[in-house]
Protein backbone atom coordinates (compact mmCIF):
# COMPACT_ATOMS: atom_id res chain seq x y z
CA MET A 1 44.46 -13.79 170.49
CA GLY A 2 47.73 -12.70 169.63
CA LEU A 3 48.77 -10.23 166.72
CA LEU A 4 50.46 -13.07 164.34
CA SER A 5 47.32 -14.82 164.42
CA LEU A 6 45.31 -11.74 162.96
CA PRO A 7 46.52 -12.21 159.49
CA ARG A 8 45.37 -15.99 159.11
CA LEU A 9 42.32 -14.20 160.50
CA LEU A 10 42.00 -12.28 157.90
CA LEU A 11 42.45 -14.59 155.24
CA VAL A 12 39.92 -16.98 156.28
CA LEU A 13 37.22 -13.72 156.39
CA LEU A 14 38.53 -12.48 152.71
CA ASP A 15 38.52 -15.71 151.58
CA CYS A 16 34.51 -16.25 152.47
CA TRP A 17 33.89 -12.84 151.17
CA VAL A 18 35.14 -14.24 147.68
CA SER A 19 32.58 -17.21 147.87
CA VAL A 20 29.64 -15.20 148.51
CA SER A 21 30.48 -12.87 145.90
CA ALA A 22 31.09 -15.31 143.21
CA GLN A 23 27.63 -16.84 144.07
CA THR A 24 26.40 -13.35 143.99
CA ARG A 25 26.89 -12.97 140.14
CA ALA A 26 26.28 -16.44 139.68
CA THR A 27 22.43 -15.66 140.42
CA LEU A 28 22.49 -12.35 139.11
CA ALA A 29 23.71 -14.06 135.25
CA VAL A 30 20.38 -15.83 135.35
CA THR A 31 18.21 -13.10 135.80
CA THR A 32 19.91 -10.96 133.10
CA GLU A 33 18.44 -13.33 130.61
CA GLY A 34 16.29 -12.11 128.66
CA LEU A 35 12.80 -13.01 128.26
CA ASN A 36 13.12 -14.15 124.70
CA SER A 37 16.47 -15.70 124.81
CA THR A 38 16.48 -19.63 123.13
CA GLU A 39 19.53 -20.42 124.98
CA PRO A 40 19.33 -23.08 127.25
CA GLY A 41 20.74 -21.70 131.00
CA PRO A 42 21.97 -24.92 133.18
CA THR A 43 25.25 -24.55 133.63
CA THR A 44 24.04 -20.99 135.04
CA LEU A 45 21.51 -22.70 136.75
CA ARG A 46 23.75 -25.10 138.80
CA SER A 47 26.20 -22.61 139.09
CA ALA A 48 23.17 -20.58 141.82
CA LEU A 49 21.93 -23.61 143.02
CA SER A 50 24.93 -26.34 143.37
CA PRO A 51 24.67 -28.03 146.74
CA ARG A 52 27.15 -27.65 149.60
CA THR A 53 30.10 -29.87 150.08
CA PRO A 54 28.36 -32.68 152.59
CA GLY A 55 30.05 -31.05 156.13
CA THR A 56 30.66 -27.43 154.64
CA PRO A 57 28.87 -25.23 156.85
CA ARG A 58 27.12 -22.55 154.81
CA VAL A 59 28.74 -19.29 155.18
CA PRO A 60 26.33 -16.08 155.85
CA GLY A 61 26.02 -13.51 153.29
CA PRO A 62 24.53 -9.82 152.80
CA SER A 63 22.29 -11.30 150.60
CA SER A 64 20.82 -14.39 152.74
CA SER A 65 18.05 -12.46 154.20
CA LEU A 66 16.54 -11.35 150.60
CA ARG A 67 14.45 -13.97 148.21
CA PRO A 68 16.26 -15.45 145.55
CA THR A 69 16.48 -13.56 142.38
CA PRO A 70 13.79 -14.62 140.02
CA VAL A 71 14.45 -16.66 137.12
CA THR A 72 12.29 -15.40 133.63
CA ASP A 73 14.13 -18.09 131.64
CA VAL A 74 12.22 -20.92 130.35
CA ALA A 75 14.84 -22.86 129.66
CA ALA A 76 16.30 -22.78 133.12
CA LEU A 77 12.51 -23.00 134.93
CA CYS A 78 11.71 -25.99 136.91
CA VAL A 79 8.40 -25.60 138.53
CA CYS A 80 9.19 -29.33 139.88
CA ASP A 81 12.32 -30.06 141.21
CA LEU A 82 11.17 -30.09 144.94
CA SER A 83 14.08 -31.43 146.36
CA PRO A 84 17.92 -29.59 146.27
CA ALA A 85 20.60 -32.02 145.10
CA GLN A 86 18.17 -34.63 144.07
CA CYS A 87 16.04 -36.16 141.42
CA ASP A 88 12.68 -35.77 141.12
CA ILE A 89 10.76 -39.02 139.82
CA ASN A 90 9.03 -37.47 136.46
CA CYS A 91 10.77 -34.05 136.41
CA CYS A 92 12.11 -33.68 133.41
CA CYS A 93 13.47 -30.40 133.95
CA ASP A 94 15.22 -31.44 136.96
CA PRO A 95 19.22 -30.39 136.48
CA ASP A 96 19.32 -33.25 139.38
CA CYS A 97 18.28 -36.22 137.40
CA SER A 98 21.09 -37.87 134.80
CA SER A 99 20.13 -40.14 131.43
CA VAL A 100 20.11 -43.19 133.53
CA ASP A 101 17.19 -41.40 135.57
CA PHE A 102 15.36 -40.47 132.68
CA SER A 103 15.43 -43.33 131.42
CA VAL A 104 12.94 -45.31 134.38
CA PHE A 105 10.47 -41.82 133.92
CA SER A 106 6.84 -43.06 132.94
CA ASP A 107 6.14 -39.19 131.89
CA CYS A 108 6.86 -35.82 132.13
CA SER A 109 4.70 -34.41 135.03
CA ILE A 110 5.58 -30.82 133.69
CA PRO A 111 5.73 -31.06 129.57
CA VAL A 112 5.38 -27.26 129.07
CA VAL A 113 7.41 -24.71 131.22
CA MET A 114 5.89 -21.17 129.56
CA GLY A 115 6.24 -17.57 131.46
CA ASP A 116 3.37 -15.19 131.47
CA SER A 117 0.74 -16.43 129.29
CA GLN A 118 -0.82 -12.88 128.45
CA PHE A 119 2.34 -12.11 126.07
CA CYS A 120 1.90 -12.56 122.24
CA SER A 121 4.95 -14.52 121.59
CA GLN A 122 6.97 -15.97 124.18
CA LYS A 123 9.48 -19.38 124.41
CA ALA A 124 8.39 -22.23 125.99
CA ALA A 125 10.08 -25.11 127.18
CA ILE A 126 8.76 -28.45 126.12
CA TYR A 127 10.20 -31.84 127.72
CA SER A 128 8.73 -35.12 126.51
CA LEU A 129 10.34 -38.42 126.46
CA ASP A 130 11.18 -40.81 123.89
CA PHE A 131 10.31 -44.67 124.22
CA THR A 132 11.61 -45.73 120.76
CA ALA A 133 15.00 -45.32 121.92
CA ASN A 134 17.24 -47.68 123.93
CA PRO A 135 17.24 -46.53 126.88
CA PRO A 136 14.52 -44.23 127.06
CA GLN A 137 15.86 -40.30 126.74
CA ARG A 138 14.62 -37.59 127.57
CA VAL A 139 13.68 -34.67 124.72
CA PHE A 140 14.08 -31.21 125.18
CA LYS A 141 13.22 -28.30 122.86
CA VAL A 142 12.18 -24.41 123.13
CA VAL A 143 9.83 -23.28 120.79
CA ASP A 144 8.13 -19.93 120.09
CA ARG A 145 4.23 -19.64 120.99
CA VAL A 146 2.00 -17.22 119.60
CA ASN A 147 -1.10 -16.25 121.62
CA PRO A 148 -4.42 -16.24 119.63
CA SER A 149 -5.98 -13.55 121.71
CA ILE A 150 -6.35 -10.44 120.23
CA PHE A 151 -6.08 -8.48 124.18
CA CYS A 152 -2.18 -9.47 124.73
CA ILE A 153 0.67 -7.67 125.86
CA ARG A 154 3.38 -7.16 122.71
CA ILE A 155 6.16 -5.94 124.83
CA THR A 156 7.45 -5.16 128.12
CA ASN A 157 9.79 -2.42 128.62
CA TYR A 158 9.59 -3.08 132.33
CA LYS A 159 10.92 -6.21 132.89
CA PRO A 160 11.16 -6.16 136.78
CA ALA A 161 7.26 -6.10 136.79
CA LEU A 162 7.18 -9.27 135.95
CA SER A 163 8.60 -10.32 139.84
CA PHE A 164 7.91 -9.09 142.64
CA ILE A 165 10.57 -6.63 144.06
CA ASN A 166 13.32 -8.00 146.89
CA PRO A 167 12.10 -6.06 149.48
CA GLU A 168 14.50 -3.77 151.57
CA VAL A 169 15.71 -5.29 154.66
CA PRO A 170 16.25 -2.46 157.45
CA ASP A 171 19.65 -2.78 159.02
CA GLU A 172 21.94 0.08 161.03
CA ASN A 173 22.88 1.31 157.12
CA ASN A 174 19.27 2.37 155.61
CA PHE A 175 16.88 2.95 158.98
CA ASP A 176 17.16 6.34 159.20
CA GLU A 177 16.44 6.70 155.05
CA LEU A 178 13.27 4.16 155.44
CA MET A 179 12.62 6.52 158.47
CA LYS A 180 12.31 9.05 155.91
CA THR A 181 11.02 7.79 153.06
CA PHE A 182 7.88 6.13 155.55
CA ASP A 183 7.32 9.26 157.63
CA GLY A 184 3.56 8.85 157.48
CA PHE A 185 4.32 5.86 160.26
CA SER A 186 4.50 6.40 163.99
CA TRP A 187 5.45 4.26 166.90
CA ASN A 188 3.07 6.43 169.14
CA ALA A 189 -0.01 5.19 170.87
CA GLU A 190 -2.50 7.82 169.45
CA SER A 191 -1.39 7.61 165.57
CA ASP A 192 -1.21 3.71 166.05
CA ALA A 193 -4.87 4.03 167.12
CA SER A 194 -5.56 6.23 164.20
CA PHE A 195 -3.56 4.50 161.64
CA THR A 196 -5.53 1.85 162.18
CA GLY A 197 -8.67 3.02 161.67
CA GLU A 198 -7.53 4.79 158.54
CA SER A 199 -7.03 1.27 156.57
CA ASP A 200 -10.22 0.03 157.20
CA ALA A 201 -12.73 -0.57 154.36
CA PRO A 202 -14.73 2.37 153.85
CA SER A 203 -18.36 1.81 155.21
CA PRO A 204 -21.22 3.29 152.69
CA ALA A 205 -22.64 6.29 153.36
CA ASN A 206 -26.20 4.88 153.35
CA TYR A 207 -27.52 1.67 153.69
CA GLU A 208 -27.34 -0.83 151.02
CA TYR A 209 -29.41 -4.29 150.46
CA GLY A 210 -27.73 -7.00 153.29
CA VAL A 211 -26.50 -4.61 155.06
CA HIS A 212 -26.40 -5.25 158.92
CA LEU A 213 -28.23 -2.85 160.81
CA GLN A 214 -26.09 -1.21 163.32
CA THR A 215 -27.51 -0.08 166.19
CA SER A 216 -26.01 1.68 169.61
CA ASP A 217 -23.98 -1.25 170.93
CA SER A 218 -23.34 -3.44 167.90
CA PHE A 219 -26.20 -4.81 165.90
CA LEU A 220 -29.76 -4.99 165.27
CA ARG A 221 -29.98 -9.29 166.33
CA PHE A 222 -32.95 -11.21 164.97
CA PRO A 223 -32.77 -14.76 166.24
CA SER A 224 -32.72 -17.35 163.62
CA PRO A 225 -32.61 -20.93 163.66
CA LEU A 226 -29.30 -21.83 161.56
CA THR A 227 -27.70 -25.26 162.06
CA SER A 228 -30.51 -26.85 163.40
CA SER A 229 -34.23 -25.70 164.83
CA LEU A 230 -32.63 -23.86 167.99
CA CYS A 231 -32.68 -19.79 168.41
CA THR A 232 -29.21 -18.16 167.54
CA ASP A 233 -28.92 -14.60 168.86
CA ASN A 234 -26.11 -13.63 167.00
CA ASN A 235 -27.74 -13.32 163.64
CA PRO A 236 -28.09 -10.02 162.60
CA ALA A 237 -30.89 -8.38 160.62
CA ALA A 238 -29.69 -7.05 157.21
CA PHE A 239 -31.76 -4.24 155.42
CA LEU A 240 -34.51 -4.71 152.93
CA VAL A 241 -34.25 -8.72 153.53
CA ASN A 242 -37.92 -9.12 155.11
CA GLN A 243 -37.67 -12.32 157.07
CA ALA A 244 -40.17 -14.62 158.95
CA VAL A 245 -38.77 -17.62 160.97
CA LYS A 246 -39.85 -20.24 163.92
CA CYS A 247 -37.07 -21.17 166.09
CA THR A 248 -37.43 -23.53 169.62
CA ARG A 249 -35.47 -22.57 173.02
CA ARG A 250 -34.57 -24.96 175.82
CA ILE A 251 -35.01 -22.85 178.76
CA ASN A 252 -34.54 -23.65 182.35
CA LEU A 253 -38.14 -22.13 183.62
CA GLU A 254 -36.22 -21.51 187.11
CA GLN A 255 -34.00 -18.98 185.26
CA CYS A 256 -36.08 -17.44 183.04
CA GLU A 257 -35.67 -14.22 184.81
CA LYS A 258 -32.37 -13.94 183.93
CA ILE A 259 -32.47 -14.96 180.52
CA GLU A 260 -32.13 -12.07 177.74
CA ALA A 261 -33.82 -13.57 175.00
CA LEU A 262 -36.96 -13.80 176.86
CA SER A 263 -37.35 -10.18 178.01
CA MET A 264 -39.41 -7.44 176.28
CA ALA A 265 -36.50 -5.16 176.76
CA TYR A 266 -33.74 -7.02 174.29
CA TYR A 267 -36.35 -6.05 171.79
CA SER A 268 -37.41 -2.84 172.19
CA SER A 269 -34.50 -1.47 173.93
CA PRO A 270 -31.87 -0.98 171.18
CA LYS A 271 -31.39 2.12 168.56
CA ILE A 272 -31.17 1.77 164.97
CA MET A 273 -28.57 3.78 163.54
CA ARG A 274 -30.02 6.03 160.47
CA VAL A 275 -27.09 5.35 158.45
CA PRO A 276 -24.03 3.35 159.05
CA ASN A 277 -21.33 4.65 161.71
CA SER A 278 -24.06 7.66 161.99
CA GLU A 279 -24.59 9.94 165.53
CA MET A 280 -28.35 9.68 164.32
CA LYS A 281 -30.17 7.16 166.10
CA VAL A 282 -33.73 5.72 165.80
CA PRO A 283 -35.30 4.63 168.66
CA ILE A 284 -37.46 1.69 168.56
CA THR A 285 -41.34 2.05 169.52
CA VAL A 286 -43.27 -0.63 170.95
CA GLN A 287 -46.61 -0.63 168.74
CA SER A 288 -48.27 -2.88 170.25
CA ILE A 289 -48.68 -5.48 173.48
CA VAL A 290 -50.51 -8.38 173.14
CA ILE A 291 -50.86 -11.11 176.37
CA GLN A 292 -51.48 -14.56 175.84
CA SER A 293 -52.86 -17.02 178.57
CA LEU A 294 -52.08 -20.60 179.15
CA ASN A 295 -55.61 -21.32 177.44
CA LYS A 296 -54.55 -18.60 174.54
CA THR A 297 -56.70 -16.60 175.35
CA LEU A 298 -55.43 -13.47 173.89
CA THR A 299 -55.39 -9.37 175.42
CA ARG A 300 -54.31 -6.52 174.25
CA LEU A 301 -52.74 -4.39 176.52
CA GLU A 302 -51.85 -0.78 176.53
CA TYR A 303 -47.82 0.38 176.68
CA ALA A 304 -47.04 1.32 179.53
CA GLY A 305 -43.53 0.45 179.83
CA VAL A 306 -41.14 -2.57 179.60
CA LEU A 307 -42.87 -6.07 181.14
CA GLU A 308 -40.01 -8.07 182.62
CA PRO A 309 -40.39 -11.93 182.89
CA ALA A 310 -41.58 -13.03 186.30
CA LEU A 311 -41.65 -16.30 187.90
CA VAL A 312 -45.00 -17.21 189.75
CA LYS A 313 -45.78 -19.91 191.35
CA VAL A 314 -49.26 -21.42 191.52
CA GLY A 315 -50.09 -23.85 193.51
CA ALA A 316 -47.91 -26.67 193.20
CA VAL A 317 -46.74 -25.20 189.40
CA GLN A 318 -44.28 -23.06 188.53
CA ILE A 319 -45.05 -20.48 185.43
CA CYS A 320 -43.05 -17.89 184.17
CA THR A 321 -45.29 -14.58 182.95
CA ASN A 322 -44.04 -12.33 179.98
CA ILE A 323 -42.06 -14.26 177.97
CA VAL A 324 -41.55 -13.32 174.59
CA LEU A 325 -43.54 -15.36 172.18
CA GLU A 326 -43.86 -13.42 168.90
CA VAL A 327 -41.40 -10.18 167.57
CA LYS A 328 -42.73 -8.05 164.59
CA TYR A 329 -40.33 -5.49 163.10
CA ARG A 330 -41.85 -2.41 161.25
CA LEU A 331 -39.21 -0.23 159.81
CA THR A 332 -39.69 2.51 157.45
CA TYR A 333 -36.90 3.71 154.82
CA THR A 334 -36.08 6.63 152.41
CA ALA A 335 -34.58 5.87 148.97
CA ALA A 336 -31.86 7.02 149.90
CA GLY A 337 -31.48 4.45 151.92
CA GLU A 338 -31.85 5.80 155.71
CA VAL A 339 -34.28 4.12 158.04
CA THR A 340 -36.91 6.93 159.69
CA ARG A 341 -38.94 4.69 161.62
CA ALA A 342 -39.20 1.34 163.95
CA ALA A 343 -41.62 -0.54 165.51
CA VAL A 344 -42.14 -3.07 166.98
CA SER A 345 -45.33 -5.29 167.62
CA LEU A 346 -44.79 -8.44 170.51
CA LEU A 347 -46.59 -11.50 171.83
CA LEU A 348 -46.03 -11.74 175.36
CA GLY A 349 -47.29 -15.58 177.38
CA VAL A 350 -47.40 -17.41 179.83
CA VAL A 351 -44.86 -20.68 179.89
CA SER A 352 -45.23 -23.82 182.13
CA SER A 353 -42.97 -26.51 182.31
CA ALA A 354 -45.52 -28.31 179.69
CA LEU A 355 -45.26 -25.96 176.75
CA LEU A 356 -41.15 -26.73 177.02
CA PRO A 357 -39.30 -26.30 174.90
CA LEU A 358 -40.74 -22.95 174.04
CA GLN A 359 -41.12 -21.67 169.90
CA GLN A 360 -40.72 -17.94 169.03
CA LYS A 361 -41.53 -16.17 166.15
CA PHE A 362 -40.08 -13.63 164.46
CA GLU A 363 -40.33 -11.11 161.94
CA ILE A 364 -39.02 -8.13 160.20
CA HIS A 365 -40.71 -6.16 157.41
CA PHE A 366 -39.36 -3.13 155.55
CA THR A 367 -41.58 -0.70 154.23
CA GLU A 368 -40.48 2.45 151.79
CA GLN A 369 -41.41 5.97 153.17
CA ASN A 370 -45.33 7.83 151.82
CA THR A 371 -45.46 4.99 149.74
CA LYS A 372 -48.53 2.85 150.07
CA PRO A 373 -48.59 -1.39 149.51
CA VAL A 374 -49.96 -2.51 146.97
CA PRO A 375 -53.11 -4.99 147.23
CA LEU A 376 -52.92 -8.51 145.96
CA SER A 377 -55.74 -11.17 144.75
CA GLY A 378 -53.59 -13.85 145.97
CA ASN A 379 -50.17 -14.78 146.37
CA PRO A 380 -49.28 -16.36 144.33
CA GLY A 381 -52.83 -18.03 143.38
CA TYR A 382 -56.27 -16.06 143.33
CA VAL A 383 -58.53 -16.14 146.76
CA VAL A 384 -61.91 -16.79 146.18
CA GLY A 385 -63.86 -13.20 146.47
CA LEU A 386 -60.85 -11.60 145.66
CA PRO A 387 -61.35 -9.08 142.27
CA VAL A 388 -59.99 -10.50 139.30
CA ALA A 389 -57.00 -8.67 137.81
CA ALA A 390 -56.66 -7.19 134.69
CA GLY A 391 -55.64 -4.24 132.38
CA PHE A 392 -55.24 -3.84 128.75
CA GLN A 393 -52.26 -3.33 126.34
CA PRO A 394 -51.92 0.08 124.56
CA TYR A 395 -49.73 -1.07 122.35
CA LYS A 396 -47.25 -4.40 121.09
CA GLY A 397 -44.42 -4.71 123.57
CA SER A 398 -45.56 -2.49 126.01
CA GLY A 399 -46.43 -3.17 129.77
CA ILE A 400 -50.13 -3.93 130.88
CA ILE A 401 -51.61 -1.18 131.61
CA GLN A 402 -54.13 -1.18 134.93
CA THR A 403 -56.31 1.45 136.72
CA MET A 404 -55.10 1.53 140.62
CA ASN A 405 -58.90 0.88 141.89
CA ARG A 406 -58.27 -3.14 141.66
CA TYR A 407 -62.12 -3.51 142.11
CA GLY A 408 -62.14 -1.71 138.71
CA GLN A 409 -59.87 -3.69 136.41
CA PHE A 410 -62.35 -6.20 135.41
CA THR A 411 -66.28 -5.03 135.81
CA ILE A 412 -69.73 -5.70 134.33
CA LEU A 413 -73.02 -4.42 134.56
CA ARG A 414 -74.60 -3.95 138.25
CA SER A 415 -77.98 -4.37 138.62
CA THR A 416 -80.51 -2.04 140.82
CA ALA A 417 -83.70 -1.75 141.51
CA GLU A 418 -85.10 0.02 138.86
CA GLU A 419 -83.85 -1.90 136.45
CA ASP A 420 -83.44 0.84 134.10
CA CYS A 421 -80.52 0.37 131.98
CA LEU A 422 -80.48 4.21 130.84
CA ALA A 423 -80.38 5.13 134.79
CA THR A 424 -77.87 2.15 135.72
CA GLU A 425 -75.19 3.64 133.18
CA GLY A 426 -71.68 3.57 134.85
CA ILE A 427 -72.15 1.48 137.44
CA ARG A 428 -70.14 -1.40 137.86
CA THR A 429 -69.21 -3.81 139.78
CA PRO A 430 -66.36 -6.11 140.07
CA VAL A 431 -65.63 -9.55 138.93
CA LEU A 432 -64.95 -11.58 141.91
CA PHE A 433 -62.86 -14.97 141.67
CA GLY A 434 -64.55 -17.91 142.12
CA TYR A 435 -68.54 -15.67 142.44
CA ASN A 436 -70.70 -17.00 139.48
CA MET A 437 -72.56 -13.53 138.56
CA ARG A 438 -75.92 -12.56 137.19
CA THR A 439 -76.85 -8.84 136.34
CA GLY A 440 -79.49 -7.76 134.31
CA CYS A 441 -81.27 -4.38 133.17
CA LYS A 442 -84.72 -3.86 131.27
CA LEU A 443 -84.28 -1.24 128.10
CA ARG A 444 -87.71 0.59 126.88
CA LEU A 445 -87.67 0.95 122.88
CA THR A 446 -90.00 3.24 121.41
CA GLY A 447 -91.76 2.77 118.29
CA ALA A 448 -89.18 4.14 116.29
CA PHE A 449 -85.80 4.14 117.40
CA PRO A 450 -82.72 4.84 115.50
CA CYS A 451 -80.34 1.52 115.18
CA PRO A 452 -76.70 2.81 115.47
CA LEU A 453 -77.09 4.73 117.83
CA VAL A 454 -79.06 2.20 120.16
CA ALA A 455 -76.95 -0.64 119.55
CA GLU A 456 -73.74 0.90 120.39
CA LYS A 457 -74.99 2.75 123.72
CA VAL A 458 -76.32 -0.92 124.98
CA LYS A 459 -72.56 -2.83 124.06
CA ARG A 460 -71.07 0.74 125.88
CA LEU A 461 -73.43 -0.59 128.98
CA LEU A 462 -72.09 -4.12 128.58
CA THR A 463 -68.99 -3.66 128.39
CA GLY A 464 -68.42 -0.53 130.06
CA HIS A 465 -65.52 2.31 129.49
CA GLY A 466 -62.36 0.50 128.70
CA PHE A 467 -62.67 -2.74 128.61
CA PRO A 468 -59.77 -4.70 129.67
CA ASP A 469 -57.33 -6.98 126.78
CA TYR A 470 -55.45 -9.55 129.37
CA VAL A 471 -56.43 -10.56 132.14
CA ALA A 472 -53.70 -11.79 135.23
CA PRO A 473 -52.94 -16.08 135.38
CA PHE A 474 -52.42 -15.12 138.97
CA GLY A 475 -53.39 -13.05 141.81
CA ASN A 476 -49.82 -11.10 142.29
CA SER A 477 -48.60 -11.37 138.29
CA GLN A 478 -46.66 -8.41 137.63
CA ALA A 479 -47.45 -6.02 134.78
CA GLN A 480 -44.41 -6.10 132.70
CA ASP A 481 -44.66 -9.81 132.39
CA VAL A 482 -47.25 -9.69 129.22
CA LEU A 483 -46.62 -12.96 128.07
CA ASP A 484 -47.81 -14.58 131.32
CA TRP A 485 -50.91 -12.45 131.30
CA VAL A 486 -53.87 -14.31 129.64
CA PRO A 487 -55.75 -12.14 126.62
CA ILE A 488 -59.46 -12.10 126.77
CA ARG A 489 -61.05 -14.15 123.93
CA PHE A 490 -63.88 -11.66 122.87
CA ILE A 491 -66.27 -13.84 120.44
CA THR A 492 -69.13 -11.59 118.49
CA GLN A 493 -72.60 -13.74 118.49
CA GLU A 494 -75.49 -11.85 115.55
CA SER A 495 -78.76 -13.02 114.52
CA HIS A 496 -79.31 -13.16 110.84
CA GLY A 497 -82.63 -11.38 109.72
CA LYS A 498 -83.32 -8.96 106.83
CA GLU A 499 -84.62 -5.66 107.66
CA SER A 500 -83.40 -6.16 111.32
CA CYS A 501 -81.89 -4.30 113.77
CA GLN A 502 -79.20 -6.06 115.47
CA LEU A 503 -78.64 -4.76 118.93
CA PRO A 504 -76.89 -6.68 122.08
CA VAL A 505 -78.62 -8.11 124.49
CA ALA A 506 -76.26 -10.18 126.28
CA LEU A 507 -72.47 -10.69 127.80
CA VAL A 508 -70.89 -13.98 128.66
CA ILE A 509 -67.68 -14.07 130.07
CA GLU A 510 -66.85 -17.82 130.71
CA VAL A 511 -63.68 -17.82 132.74
CA LYS A 512 -61.40 -21.42 133.07
CA TRP A 513 -59.12 -21.99 135.74
CA THR A 514 -57.43 -24.51 136.98
CA LYS A 515 -54.95 -25.87 140.01
CA TYR A 516 -51.54 -25.22 140.31
CA GLY A 517 -48.76 -26.45 142.14
CA SER A 518 -48.74 -28.77 144.97
CA LEU A 519 -51.86 -31.22 146.21
CA LEU A 520 -51.06 -30.03 149.73
CA ASN A 521 -51.32 -26.49 148.65
CA PRO A 522 -53.11 -26.20 145.05
CA GLN A 523 -52.97 -22.06 143.96
CA ALA A 524 -55.70 -21.39 141.44
CA LYS A 525 -54.75 -20.22 137.67
CA ILE A 526 -56.54 -18.69 135.44
CA VAL A 527 -55.79 -20.48 131.72
CA ASN A 528 -58.62 -18.72 129.73
CA VAL A 529 -60.98 -16.46 129.58
CA THR A 530 -63.66 -16.06 126.76
CA THR A 531 -66.12 -13.06 126.53
CA SER A 532 -69.08 -13.78 123.94
CA LEU A 533 -71.43 -10.65 122.94
CA ILE A 534 -74.55 -11.62 121.63
CA SER A 535 -77.25 -9.60 119.50
CA SER A 536 -80.61 -9.93 118.50
CA SER A 537 -82.70 -8.61 115.88
CA PHE A 538 -85.39 -6.14 115.74
CA PRO A 539 -87.26 -4.08 113.37
CA GLU A 540 -86.35 -0.86 113.77
CA THR A 541 -90.30 -0.08 113.01
CA ASN A 542 -92.87 -1.06 115.31
CA SER A 543 -96.42 -0.60 115.15
CA GLY A 544 -97.14 -0.61 119.37
CA ASN A 545 -95.81 2.32 121.33
CA GLU A 546 -93.08 0.58 123.07
CA ARG A 547 -91.16 -2.22 123.73
CA THR A 548 -88.88 -3.89 126.44
CA VAL A 549 -85.70 -5.50 126.04
CA LEU A 550 -83.62 -7.59 128.99
CA ILE A 551 -79.92 -7.10 128.62
CA SER A 552 -78.24 -9.46 131.01
CA THR A 553 -74.28 -10.21 132.07
CA THR A 554 -73.80 -13.74 133.07
CA VAL A 555 -69.83 -14.56 134.65
CA THR A 556 -68.89 -18.44 135.24
CA PHE A 557 -66.18 -19.85 136.80
CA VAL A 558 -64.97 -23.28 135.36
CA ASP A 559 -62.86 -25.32 137.32
CA VAL A 560 -60.58 -27.49 134.79
CA SER A 561 -58.28 -28.97 137.04
CA ALA A 562 -57.09 -32.42 135.54
CA PRO A 563 -57.61 -35.09 138.05
CA ALA A 564 -54.53 -35.48 140.53
CA GLU A 565 -52.67 -38.79 140.27
CA ALA A 566 -50.69 -40.30 142.89
CA GLY A 567 -47.08 -40.93 142.37
CA PHE A 568 -45.44 -42.82 143.94
CA ARG A 569 -41.33 -43.25 143.78
CA ALA A 570 -39.67 -46.29 141.98
CA GLN A 571 -38.39 -48.95 144.25
CA PRO A 572 -34.90 -48.64 144.80
CA ILE A 573 -32.89 -51.68 142.81
CA ILE A 574 -30.22 -53.33 145.15
CA ASN A 575 -27.53 -54.52 143.48
CA ALA A 576 -25.32 -56.09 145.89
CA ARG A 577 -23.14 -59.08 145.04
CA LEU A 578 -21.65 -61.72 147.77
CA PRO A 579 -18.28 -62.67 147.51
CA PHE A 580 -17.12 -65.66 145.55
CA ASN A 581 -15.70 -68.00 148.13
CA PHE A 582 -19.10 -67.10 150.53
CA PHE A 583 -20.46 -70.51 150.94
CA PHE A 584 -16.65 -72.06 151.46
CA PRO A 585 -16.35 -74.40 152.11
CA PHE A 586 -19.68 -76.07 151.31
CA VAL A 587 -19.94 -75.06 147.71
C-alpha cells in the first residue's frame, strides 16, 4: 500500500466512525425520554432500529458488544415486534406495519403496553382496531392509569434502576482499573478453591426438620422404593422424619457376598455427624442381632463383630447366610438439633433361590433425649383391654387436664376380699375398653347415723377424687383438641320418700362406641358416655342395731355401630358413536 492510498483509507474510516456515532446518538435519544412522557417517539425508534440496506455490511462499532439501550417510553415499546424489518401479524405497535397491514388484522395481540405496574400513576399505550372504518384502521392513544393499591411508588428519583445496567466489557484500556475494583478475585488455584467454598449457601449450625443426616463420607442411606417397589439405596435419611418402608431387591444369589446392601457393615459402619459439617461423629451401635432360619425360626445373638454374607452349598442347593432382612434405626437427639446417640437392630436371614426376589424392611425413629414415650390406648382407635383416656377441663376454653398415670384417669371402685367399703376407700381400678365390669362393697350403718355426712362419704367412694368430665374419642386423641372429646353426661336418680335419707348405692357407667373407618380395618371410637348415680331412701333412725347396705359400680360397653352397607361403583357409561357412513354402502 502506497502513501497515495493512505488519505483514501482515512476517509473510509472517518465515514464509518460518523455512521456509528450517529446511530449511537439516535439510540441515546430514546433513553432520554422520561417515563411520564406523553409524546410517542416512533421516529426516534425507527432511527435506532432502522434496517440496513440489503448488501451493505454491518460496520463494527465500540457499542456492538454492549446490550441495547433500554426504552422506557410506552409509546416506543413493542414487545410483540419479533421480526426485524417485517410486519408481525396482529402486532398493532409494530413500526414496520403499514395501514394496509392493519386493515387485515383480526385483533391486537398486545392491546395495552405499560411500564412498571408498581407506580401510582403511569402512562399506558392502548392499541385497538376500528372495524367500522373502510378499510379497518388502527387506533392508538396514550392515557394515564392510576394504581388503586395504597402500596405503590409515587415517584422514582433513580431512573437507571428501571432497567439493568450495561456491563462494562474488559478491554486493553480498562482492564487494570477493573482488576483494582475487583481485587478480591485472583487466578491461582488456592484462592479459587477458597472462593468457591465461601460462595456456597451456609449450612445450618444444627439439624433442622427434613435435613439430611450427614455421615463421614456422605449421608446416612435409607433404602426406599421410589418409582417402583425396587430398593433405591441413594435415598437419604432425614432428621426427625420417622419412616417404615418395605422394598424388593433383585439379586444374583451367587454374587451375594459382593453386594454391599446385603451386608451388615453397610448399615452399622457409618458414623453420623453430631451436627452438620462437624468433626464430632456419633458411631452407630449395634443394639441387637436376630438370625432367621429358612423355617422362620428366630435366634438372638450376642454382638461379637460384623457378620458378612457367605455363600454356602447344602447338597445341591445354594444358600446365602447373614443376609440383611430388616434394619431398625433408633436415633436420640437434643432439643437444640444435635444427634447424641444412634443404634441399629438387625434381622439377618438365610436366603435361597426360592426366596428371590428378596424383600427388605427398613425403619428409622427419632427420640428426644431425657424424654419418655407416652403410651397410648390405641392409634387411632381403642384397643380392647387398654385404659380409657379421660380428663377434666378446669375452666371453659382451656385444654383437657390428664394425670400422668393413664391407669388412673378413669377409675371405679375396686372390690376386695373384706368387702368393707370403709377399708376400700382410695383403692381404684381402671376402666378398660371393651371390658364390662361390676364391683362392690358393703357399708354397715348403725342405728343412728348422720345422713348428709354418710351420703357425701358414699358418693366420694363411688366417684373417687376428681371424677373426669371428658373422655377421649380415640386412643391417641390430643388434649388440646377439646372439641373432639366426648363429655360425660352425669345423671342423678333419687327415690322419693318422706322423712328418709337419700344414700347413693350404685354408679352405672354406660359407654357407647362405634366402628369407624374402613371395613377392612375398623377403628373403635367412643361416641357417648353416660354416668348415673342411683340413690335409695333409708330411715335415719332404725330400731335395730346395725344395717348393711350394698354399694356397687357397673361399667357396660355398648356397640352402636350401624350395619355396614356394601357399596358398588356405578357402571361406566360408554358414549360411543359410530360414524354416519359406517354401514355404507349397505344402508
